[in-house]
N, C-alpha and C. Protein backbone atom coordinates (compact mmCIF):
# COMPACT_ATOMS: atom_id res chain seq x y z
N MET A 1 -26.33 6.81 11.67
CA MET A 1 -24.95 6.12 11.23
C MET A 1 -24.15 7.56 10.53
N PRO A 2 -22.79 7.48 10.77
CA PRO A 2 -22.17 8.48 10.32
C PRO A 2 -21.89 8.41 8.80
N ARG A 3 -21.80 9.74 8.35
CA ARG A 3 -21.41 9.68 6.72
C ARG A 3 -20.24 10.23 6.69
N ILE A 4 -19.52 9.56 5.42
CA ILE A 4 -18.08 9.46 5.68
C ILE A 4 -18.00 9.96 4.12
N ARG A 5 -16.97 11.08 3.62
CA ARG A 5 -16.56 11.79 2.52
C ARG A 5 -14.90 11.06 2.33
N VAL A 6 -14.63 10.40 1.19
CA VAL A 6 -13.12 10.08 1.34
C VAL A 6 -12.79 9.76 -0.21
N GLU A 7 -11.79 10.72 -0.51
CA GLU A 7 -11.07 10.25 -2.01
C GLU A 7 -10.33 8.72 -1.83
N VAL A 8 -11.03 7.59 -2.83
CA VAL A 8 -10.03 6.82 -2.81
C VAL A 8 -9.42 6.23 -4.43
N ASP A 9 -8.32 6.35 -4.19
CA ASP A 9 -7.55 6.36 -5.55
C ASP A 9 -8.28 7.09 -6.67
N GLY A 10 -8.21 8.08 -5.79
CA GLY A 10 -8.58 9.42 -7.04
C GLY A 10 -10.42 9.45 -7.14
N THR A 11 -11.04 8.93 -6.86
CA THR A 11 -12.24 9.01 -7.20
C THR A 11 -12.83 9.36 -5.64
N THR A 12 -13.71 10.44 -5.71
CA THR A 12 -14.48 10.86 -4.08
C THR A 12 -15.68 9.54 -3.92
N TYR A 13 -15.85 9.46 -2.76
CA TYR A 13 -16.95 8.55 -2.26
C TYR A 13 -17.62 9.00 -1.06
N GLU A 14 -19.00 9.10 -1.06
CA GLU A 14 -19.68 9.57 -0.02
C GLU A 14 -20.78 8.49 0.33
N ASP A 15 -20.42 7.94 2.02
CA ASP A 15 -21.28 6.86 2.22
C ASP A 15 -21.97 7.05 3.98
N ASP A 16 -22.60 6.22 3.97
CA ASP A 16 -23.18 6.03 5.29
C ASP A 16 -22.42 5.11 5.83
N VAL A 17 -21.78 4.75 7.09
CA VAL A 17 -21.15 3.82 7.55
C VAL A 17 -21.22 3.24 8.90
N GLU A 18 -21.32 2.09 9.28
CA GLU A 18 -21.19 1.66 10.73
C GLU A 18 -20.35 2.33 11.21
N PRO A 19 -20.49 2.98 12.48
CA PRO A 19 -19.01 3.35 13.43
C PRO A 19 -17.67 2.36 13.36
N ARG A 20 -18.30 1.33 13.55
CA ARG A 20 -17.35 0.10 13.64
C ARG A 20 -16.71 -0.48 12.70
N LEU A 21 -17.02 -0.25 11.23
CA LEU A 21 -16.42 -0.58 10.05
C LEU A 21 -15.12 -0.34 9.87
N LEU A 22 -14.60 -1.24 9.62
CA LEU A 22 -13.10 -0.94 9.40
C LEU A 22 -12.73 -0.89 7.66
N LEU A 23 -11.59 0.07 7.66
CA LEU A 23 -11.48 0.65 6.41
C LEU A 23 -11.24 -0.55 5.41
N VAL A 24 -10.62 -1.57 5.97
CA VAL A 24 -10.14 -2.64 4.73
C VAL A 24 -11.56 -3.21 4.25
N HIS A 25 -12.62 -3.49 5.37
CA HIS A 25 -13.98 -3.96 4.99
C HIS A 25 -14.69 -2.99 3.92
N TYR A 26 -14.35 -1.59 4.29
CA TYR A 26 -15.26 -0.55 3.69
C TYR A 26 -14.62 -0.80 1.98
N LEU A 27 -13.33 -0.67 2.02
CA LEU A 27 -12.39 -0.72 0.78
C LEU A 27 -13.22 -1.80 0.04
N ARG A 28 -12.94 -3.05 0.63
CA ARG A 28 -13.22 -4.32 -0.11
C ARG A 28 -14.78 -4.64 -0.52
N GLU A 29 -15.40 -4.30 0.66
CA GLU A 29 -17.04 -4.65 0.32
C GLU A 29 -17.90 -3.87 -0.27
N ARG A 30 -17.77 -2.50 0.13
CA ARG A 30 -18.59 -1.46 -0.45
C ARG A 30 -17.96 -0.81 -1.70
N LEU A 31 -16.59 -0.74 -1.96
CA LEU A 31 -15.67 -0.10 -3.22
C LEU A 31 -15.28 -0.85 -4.04
N GLY A 32 -15.26 -2.54 -3.75
CA GLY A 32 -14.94 -2.93 -4.53
C GLY A 32 -13.44 -3.12 -4.85
N LYS A 33 -12.77 -2.74 -3.66
CA LYS A 33 -11.08 -2.48 -3.76
C LYS A 33 -10.63 -3.94 -3.25
N VAL A 34 -10.77 -4.99 -3.84
CA VAL A 34 -10.34 -6.45 -3.57
C VAL A 34 -8.77 -6.45 -3.53
N GLY A 35 -7.98 -5.67 -4.55
CA GLY A 35 -6.59 -5.45 -4.24
C GLY A 35 -6.06 -5.64 -2.76
N THR A 36 -6.70 -5.08 -1.75
CA THR A 36 -6.38 -4.78 -0.51
C THR A 36 -6.87 -5.96 0.18
N PRO A 37 -5.95 -7.14 0.70
CA PRO A 37 -6.50 -8.18 1.36
C PRO A 37 -6.65 -8.08 2.69
N VAL A 38 -7.53 -8.83 3.31
CA VAL A 38 -7.66 -9.05 4.62
C VAL A 38 -6.59 -10.28 5.20
N GLY A 39 -5.82 -9.77 6.10
CA GLY A 39 -4.74 -10.96 6.37
C GLY A 39 -5.17 -11.42 7.74
N CYS A 40 -4.81 -10.86 8.59
CA CYS A 40 -4.88 -11.19 10.10
C CYS A 40 -5.88 -10.52 10.64
N ASP A 41 -6.48 -9.38 10.35
CA ASP A 41 -7.52 -8.87 11.09
C ASP A 41 -6.87 -8.44 12.42
N THR A 42 -5.68 -8.50 12.98
CA THR A 42 -4.95 -7.79 14.18
C THR A 42 -3.74 -6.68 13.98
N SER A 43 -3.37 -6.41 12.73
CA SER A 43 -2.43 -5.51 12.22
C SER A 43 -0.85 -6.08 12.55
N ASN A 44 -0.71 -7.05 12.95
CA ASN A 44 0.21 -8.09 12.63
C ASN A 44 0.85 -8.24 11.26
N CYS A 45 0.37 -8.71 10.32
CA CYS A 45 0.88 -8.89 8.83
C CYS A 45 1.23 -7.59 7.84
N GLY A 46 0.33 -6.88 8.06
CA GLY A 46 0.75 -5.65 6.89
C GLY A 46 0.28 -6.06 5.72
N ALA A 47 -0.62 -7.12 5.49
CA ALA A 47 -1.00 -7.53 3.90
C ALA A 47 -2.06 -6.38 3.79
N CYS A 48 -2.80 -5.61 4.52
CA CYS A 48 -3.89 -5.09 4.10
C CYS A 48 -3.46 -3.28 4.16
N THR A 49 -1.89 -3.27 4.11
CA THR A 49 -1.45 -1.58 4.26
C THR A 49 -2.09 -0.82 2.74
N VAL A 50 -2.48 0.16 3.31
CA VAL A 50 -2.84 1.09 2.20
C VAL A 50 -1.95 2.66 2.63
N LEU A 51 -1.93 3.74 1.65
CA LEU A 51 -1.71 4.87 2.08
C LEU A 51 -2.93 5.62 2.35
N MET A 52 -3.00 6.50 3.45
CA MET A 52 -3.82 7.43 3.80
C MET A 52 -3.06 8.64 4.12
N ASP A 53 -3.35 9.86 3.06
CA ASP A 53 -2.65 11.10 3.09
C ASP A 53 -1.30 10.52 3.11
N GLY A 54 -0.72 9.63 1.92
CA GLY A 54 0.54 9.61 1.63
C GLY A 54 1.23 8.51 2.84
N VAL A 55 0.80 8.11 3.89
CA VAL A 55 1.38 7.57 4.80
C VAL A 55 0.63 6.04 4.83
N SER A 56 1.43 5.32 5.29
CA SER A 56 1.24 3.74 5.23
C SER A 56 0.45 3.47 6.90
N VAL A 57 -0.55 2.75 6.38
CA VAL A 57 -1.46 2.34 7.59
C VAL A 57 -2.08 0.89 7.35
N LYS A 58 -2.07 0.32 8.33
CA LYS A 58 -3.02 -1.02 7.97
C LYS A 58 -4.34 -0.77 8.32
N SER A 59 -5.34 -1.11 7.10
CA SER A 59 -6.53 -0.75 7.24
C SER A 59 -7.41 -1.49 7.73
N CYS A 60 -6.60 -2.64 8.54
CA CYS A 60 -7.47 -3.76 9.43
C CYS A 60 -7.54 -2.86 10.91
N SER A 61 -6.68 -1.72 10.89
CA SER A 61 -6.75 -1.19 12.53
C SER A 61 -7.16 0.40 12.39
N VAL A 62 -8.01 0.85 11.11
CA VAL A 62 -8.23 2.10 11.06
C VAL A 62 -9.75 1.88 11.09
N LEU A 63 -10.81 2.53 11.50
CA LEU A 63 -11.99 2.76 11.17
C LEU A 63 -12.31 3.61 9.80
N ALA A 64 -13.57 3.09 9.11
CA ALA A 64 -13.66 3.61 8.09
C ALA A 64 -14.11 5.44 8.12
N VAL A 65 -14.54 5.44 9.56
CA VAL A 65 -14.93 7.03 9.96
C VAL A 65 -13.71 7.96 10.19
N GLN A 66 -12.49 7.26 10.44
CA GLN A 66 -11.54 7.71 10.60
C GLN A 66 -10.67 8.14 9.10
N ALA A 67 -11.15 7.63 8.17
CA ALA A 67 -10.74 7.98 6.85
C ALA A 67 -11.49 9.18 6.24
N ASP A 68 -12.69 9.72 6.98
CA ASP A 68 -13.72 10.86 6.54
C ASP A 68 -12.30 12.20 6.30
N GLY A 69 -12.43 12.62 4.92
CA GLY A 69 -11.97 13.46 4.53
C GLY A 69 -10.59 13.55 4.28
N ARG A 70 -10.03 12.39 4.33
CA ARG A 70 -8.84 11.75 3.89
C ARG A 70 -8.75 11.39 2.32
N ASP A 71 -7.42 11.12 1.90
CA ASP A 71 -7.15 10.68 0.33
C ASP A 71 -6.48 9.09 0.58
N VAL A 72 -6.90 8.20 0.26
CA VAL A 72 -6.44 6.76 0.53
C VAL A 72 -6.38 6.37 -0.86
N THR A 73 -5.18 5.93 -1.12
CA THR A 73 -4.56 5.09 -2.05
C THR A 73 -4.29 3.64 -1.74
N THR A 74 -5.03 2.67 -2.60
CA THR A 74 -4.79 1.09 -2.72
C THR A 74 -3.64 0.62 -3.73
N VAL A 75 -3.42 -0.07 -3.65
CA VAL A 75 -2.42 -0.91 -4.79
C VAL A 75 -2.97 -0.77 -6.20
N GLU A 76 -4.75 -1.01 -5.99
CA GLU A 76 -5.24 -0.83 -7.28
C GLU A 76 -5.21 0.79 -7.92
N GLY A 77 -4.94 2.04 -7.12
CA GLY A 77 -4.59 3.09 -7.46
C GLY A 77 -3.21 3.67 -8.17
N LEU A 78 -2.23 2.43 -7.80
CA LEU A 78 -0.98 3.31 -8.61
C LEU A 78 -0.81 2.71 -9.76
N GLY A 79 -0.20 3.65 -10.66
CA GLY A 79 0.18 3.52 -12.08
C GLY A 79 -0.88 4.39 -12.68
N ALA A 80 -0.49 5.41 -13.50
CA ALA A 80 -1.23 6.19 -14.24
C ALA A 80 -1.61 5.85 -15.46
N GLY A 81 -3.12 6.17 -15.78
CA GLY A 81 -3.50 5.80 -16.93
C GLY A 81 -3.57 3.98 -17.17
N GLY A 82 -3.68 3.31 -16.01
CA GLY A 82 -3.79 1.89 -16.24
C GLY A 82 -2.24 1.49 -16.46
N GLY A 83 -1.44 2.43 -16.49
CA GLY A 83 0.06 1.86 -16.31
C GLY A 83 0.55 0.77 -15.06
N THR A 84 1.84 0.43 -15.14
CA THR A 84 2.27 -0.07 -13.86
C THR A 84 3.28 1.03 -13.18
N HIS A 85 2.88 0.94 -11.90
CA HIS A 85 4.07 2.03 -11.30
C HIS A 85 5.45 1.17 -11.17
N PRO A 86 6.41 2.10 -10.88
CA PRO A 86 7.66 1.56 -10.92
C PRO A 86 7.81 0.59 -9.57
N MET A 87 7.24 0.76 -8.61
CA MET A 87 7.29 -0.14 -7.54
C MET A 87 6.90 -1.57 -7.93
N GLN A 88 5.51 -1.65 -8.69
CA GLN A 88 5.22 -2.80 -9.15
C GLN A 88 5.97 -3.32 -10.12
N ARG A 89 6.28 -2.76 -11.03
CA ARG A 89 6.99 -3.27 -12.01
C ARG A 89 8.37 -3.85 -11.55
N ALA A 90 9.15 -3.56 -10.44
CA ALA A 90 10.27 -3.78 -9.50
C ALA A 90 9.99 -5.04 -8.89
N PHE A 91 8.82 -5.36 -8.34
CA PHE A 91 8.61 -6.52 -7.67
C PHE A 91 8.20 -7.61 -8.80
N HIS A 92 7.55 -7.30 -9.78
CA HIS A 92 7.67 -8.24 -10.77
C HIS A 92 8.91 -8.76 -11.62
N GLU A 93 9.77 -7.92 -11.82
CA GLU A 93 10.96 -7.71 -12.17
C GLU A 93 11.66 -8.58 -11.54
N GLU A 94 11.74 -8.67 -10.24
CA GLU A 94 12.79 -8.98 -9.28
C GLU A 94 12.39 -10.38 -8.73
N HIS A 95 11.27 -10.74 -9.16
CA HIS A 95 10.72 -12.03 -8.64
C HIS A 95 10.44 -11.67 -7.11
N ALA A 96 10.04 -10.82 -6.84
CA ALA A 96 9.41 -10.62 -5.34
C ALA A 96 8.32 -10.80 -4.67
N LEU A 97 8.00 -12.11 -5.21
CA LEU A 97 6.52 -12.54 -4.80
C LEU A 97 6.64 -13.82 -5.14
N GLN A 98 5.67 -14.59 -4.12
CA GLN A 98 5.46 -16.11 -4.60
C GLN A 98 3.96 -16.33 -4.53
N CYS A 99 3.66 -16.21 -3.44
CA CYS A 99 2.07 -16.24 -3.54
C CYS A 99 1.29 -15.42 -3.59
N GLY A 100 1.96 -14.38 -3.43
CA GLY A 100 1.48 -12.72 -3.57
C GLY A 100 0.62 -12.21 -2.92
N TYR A 101 0.44 -12.84 -1.66
CA TYR A 101 -0.88 -12.40 -0.70
C TYR A 101 -0.34 -11.04 0.14
N CYS A 102 0.78 -11.05 0.12
CA CYS A 102 1.36 -9.96 0.96
C CYS A 102 1.68 -8.92 0.17
N THR A 103 1.99 -9.09 -1.38
CA THR A 103 2.53 -8.13 -2.20
C THR A 103 1.91 -7.02 -1.84
N PRO A 104 0.76 -6.74 -2.14
CA PRO A 104 0.02 -5.11 -2.07
C PRO A 104 0.34 -4.59 -0.82
N GLY A 105 0.13 -5.04 0.26
CA GLY A 105 0.75 -4.54 1.60
C GLY A 105 2.64 -4.17 1.65
N MET A 106 3.26 -4.98 0.96
CA MET A 106 4.74 -4.64 0.65
C MET A 106 4.84 -3.36 -0.15
N ILE A 107 4.14 -3.62 -1.08
CA ILE A 107 4.23 -2.38 -2.11
C ILE A 107 3.74 -1.20 -1.58
N MET A 108 2.87 -0.93 -0.90
CA MET A 108 2.55 0.27 -0.42
C MET A 108 3.27 0.60 0.82
N ALA A 109 3.51 0.05 1.73
CA ALA A 109 4.73 0.29 2.67
C ALA A 109 5.79 0.37 2.10
N SER A 110 6.17 -0.18 1.19
CA SER A 110 7.54 0.58 0.42
C SER A 110 7.28 1.55 -0.02
N LEU A 111 6.40 2.09 -0.43
CA LEU A 111 6.18 3.37 -1.22
C LEU A 111 6.31 4.68 -0.20
N ASP A 112 5.63 4.58 1.31
CA ASP A 112 5.65 5.09 2.32
C ASP A 112 7.32 5.10 2.70
N LEU A 113 7.98 4.04 2.51
CA LEU A 113 9.57 4.07 2.97
C LEU A 113 10.29 4.82 1.95
N LEU A 114 9.95 4.92 0.90
CA LEU A 114 10.58 5.63 -0.06
C LEU A 114 10.30 7.47 -0.20
N ARG A 115 9.08 7.86 0.76
CA ARG A 115 8.47 8.94 0.86
C ARG A 115 9.72 9.45 1.80
N GLU A 116 10.04 8.69 2.77
CA GLU A 116 11.04 9.32 3.82
C GLU A 116 12.16 8.89 3.85
N ASN A 117 12.65 7.94 2.82
CA ASN A 117 14.27 7.79 2.34
C ASN A 117 14.07 7.56 0.82
N ALA A 118 14.69 8.25 0.13
CA ALA A 118 14.50 8.01 -1.46
C ALA A 118 15.54 7.12 -1.97
N ASP A 119 16.51 6.45 -1.06
CA ASP A 119 17.59 5.89 -1.31
C ASP A 119 18.12 4.79 -0.24
N PRO A 120 17.04 4.10 0.32
CA PRO A 120 17.80 3.43 1.37
C PRO A 120 18.68 2.43 1.19
N SER A 121 19.27 1.92 2.22
CA SER A 121 20.28 0.60 2.00
C SER A 121 19.23 -0.38 2.37
N GLU A 122 20.01 -1.48 2.10
CA GLU A 122 19.46 -3.20 2.25
C GLU A 122 18.92 -2.84 3.55
N ASP A 123 19.68 -2.70 4.70
CA ASP A 123 19.25 -2.58 6.12
C ASP A 123 18.13 -1.80 6.13
N GLU A 124 18.14 -0.53 5.75
CA GLU A 124 16.96 0.39 5.94
C GLU A 124 15.51 -0.42 5.25
N VAL A 125 15.77 -1.13 4.22
CA VAL A 125 14.69 -1.42 3.86
C VAL A 125 14.31 -2.62 4.44
N ARG A 126 15.04 -3.40 5.03
CA ARG A 126 14.13 -4.64 5.89
C ARG A 126 13.77 -3.76 7.02
N GLU A 127 14.53 -2.74 7.72
CA GLU A 127 13.83 -2.26 9.08
C GLU A 127 12.59 -1.33 8.57
N GLY A 128 12.51 -0.93 7.67
CA GLY A 128 11.14 -0.34 7.16
C GLY A 128 9.92 -1.10 6.71
N LEU A 129 10.43 -2.19 6.68
CA LEU A 129 9.17 -3.12 6.10
C LEU A 129 9.07 -4.36 7.46
N GLU A 130 9.85 -4.12 8.60
CA GLU A 130 9.62 -4.80 9.26
C GLU A 130 8.17 -5.29 9.89
N GLY A 131 6.98 -4.01 9.76
CA GLY A 131 5.96 -4.78 10.01
C GLY A 131 4.98 -5.10 8.98
N ASN A 132 5.57 -6.07 7.95
CA ASN A 132 4.75 -6.44 6.90
C ASN A 132 5.53 -7.87 6.81
N LEU A 133 4.94 -8.85 6.97
CA LEU A 133 5.30 -10.24 6.88
C LEU A 133 4.90 -10.79 5.70
N CYS A 134 6.08 -11.71 5.17
CA CYS A 134 5.85 -12.49 4.24
C CYS A 134 6.62 -13.89 4.50
N ARG A 135 5.53 -14.82 4.05
CA ARG A 135 6.00 -16.27 4.71
C ARG A 135 6.53 -17.44 3.47
N CYS A 136 6.81 -16.36 2.28
CA CYS A 136 7.35 -17.34 1.10
C CYS A 136 8.45 -16.76 0.74
N THR A 137 8.96 -15.84 0.82
CA THR A 137 10.22 -15.01 0.14
C THR A 137 11.54 -15.20 0.78
N GLY A 138 11.48 -15.23 2.03
CA GLY A 138 12.67 -14.68 2.52
C GLY A 138 13.14 -13.50 2.57
N TYR A 139 12.26 -12.53 1.84
CA TYR A 139 12.58 -10.94 1.79
C TYR A 139 13.63 -10.77 0.83
N GLN A 140 14.57 -11.48 0.61
CA GLN A 140 15.62 -10.80 -0.60
C GLN A 140 15.34 -10.40 -1.57
N ASN A 141 14.41 -10.90 -2.33
CA ASN A 141 14.03 -10.59 -3.67
C ASN A 141 13.20 -9.27 -3.39
N ILE A 142 12.59 -9.18 -2.02
CA ILE A 142 11.57 -7.94 -2.01
C ILE A 142 12.37 -6.57 -1.51
N VAL A 143 13.67 -6.98 -0.99
CA VAL A 143 14.81 -6.01 -0.90
C VAL A 143 15.45 -5.28 -2.21
N LYS A 144 15.36 -6.43 -2.99
CA LYS A 144 16.21 -6.00 -4.22
C LYS A 144 15.13 -5.33 -5.08
N ALA A 145 13.84 -5.62 -4.95
CA ALA A 145 13.00 -4.74 -5.49
C ALA A 145 12.68 -3.31 -5.05
N VAL A 146 12.58 -3.13 -4.01
CA VAL A 146 12.21 -1.88 -3.44
C VAL A 146 13.91 -0.86 -3.54
N ARG A 147 14.77 -1.44 -3.53
CA ARG A 147 16.00 -0.86 -3.89
C ARG A 147 15.94 -0.48 -5.62
N ARG A 148 15.78 -1.20 -6.40
CA ARG A 148 15.37 -1.28 -7.86
C ARG A 148 14.60 0.05 -7.92
N ALA A 149 13.41 -0.13 -7.60
CA ALA A 149 11.97 1.11 -7.67
C ALA A 149 12.95 2.04 -7.38
N ALA A 150 13.55 2.52 -6.33
CA ALA A 150 14.08 3.96 -5.60
C ALA A 150 15.02 4.30 -6.76
N GLY A 151 15.87 3.25 -7.09
CA GLY A 151 16.69 3.95 -8.09
C GLY A 151 16.04 4.36 -9.49
N GLU A 152 14.98 3.44 -9.80
CA GLU A 152 14.07 4.24 -11.01
C GLU A 152 13.39 5.25 -10.65
N MET A 153 13.15 5.78 -9.76
CA MET A 153 12.03 6.71 -9.26
C MET A 153 12.68 7.77 -9.08
N ARG A 154 14.05 7.70 -8.71
CA ARG A 154 15.11 8.76 -8.58
C ARG A 154 15.57 9.52 -9.75
N GLU A 155 15.21 8.87 -10.95
CA GLU A 155 15.42 9.08 -12.06
C GLU A 155 14.89 10.29 -12.83
N PRO A 156 15.39 11.37 -13.51
CA PRO A 156 14.42 12.60 -13.68
C PRO A 156 13.88 11.94 -14.84
N GLY A 157 12.51 12.49 -14.85
CA GLY A 157 11.24 12.46 -15.68
C GLY A 157 10.67 11.11 -15.36
N ARG A 158 10.93 10.26 -14.11
CA ARG A 158 10.26 9.41 -13.61
C ARG A 158 9.15 9.30 -12.82
N GLN A 159 8.30 8.51 -12.11
CA GLN A 159 7.14 9.01 -11.46
C GLN A 159 7.57 9.13 -10.09
N GLU A 160 7.15 10.19 -9.41
CA GLU A 160 7.19 10.68 -8.08
C GLU A 160 6.94 9.36 -7.20
N VAL A 161 7.53 9.34 -5.75
CA VAL A 161 7.45 8.58 -5.08
C VAL A 161 5.96 8.51 -4.43
N THR A 162 5.08 9.25 -4.41
CA THR A 162 3.80 9.58 -4.16
C THR A 162 3.10 9.10 -5.24
N PRO A 163 2.07 8.24 -5.18
CA PRO A 163 1.34 7.78 -6.32
C PRO A 163 0.42 8.71 -7.08
């Protein structure tokens, strides 16, 4: 059985894993990171999106062994010292969620979008999040939340785009 070493939300873990174990199941079942939901298990919905080395990946399409030596950030790893990350706060304040199932993946994909484009237009936000599905909101408030967080994160002294 392969042994992996991965940093998740700032903590290093070393574990023996089955070669076929998906990253989403490793995060949830082995590490207790249940903030990353299992959505479709086919990489279509994006609910399981996490950041790996700062880039968004759908953790249902990544094997745990592929995370060996990498840095993974889940929605639970956002916000320094137990605070709320500007993106999380913006989703709350702009009412960018209803059932909340897609929210962790939307937040993580949004952070990757802002890593590439710190000031996206509404159309650019929609295009950047097209791999993440929401069946409740109609996306308008999600777009508003991403743009609000982008503005806050560009302010001097605010948290950087990368968590």
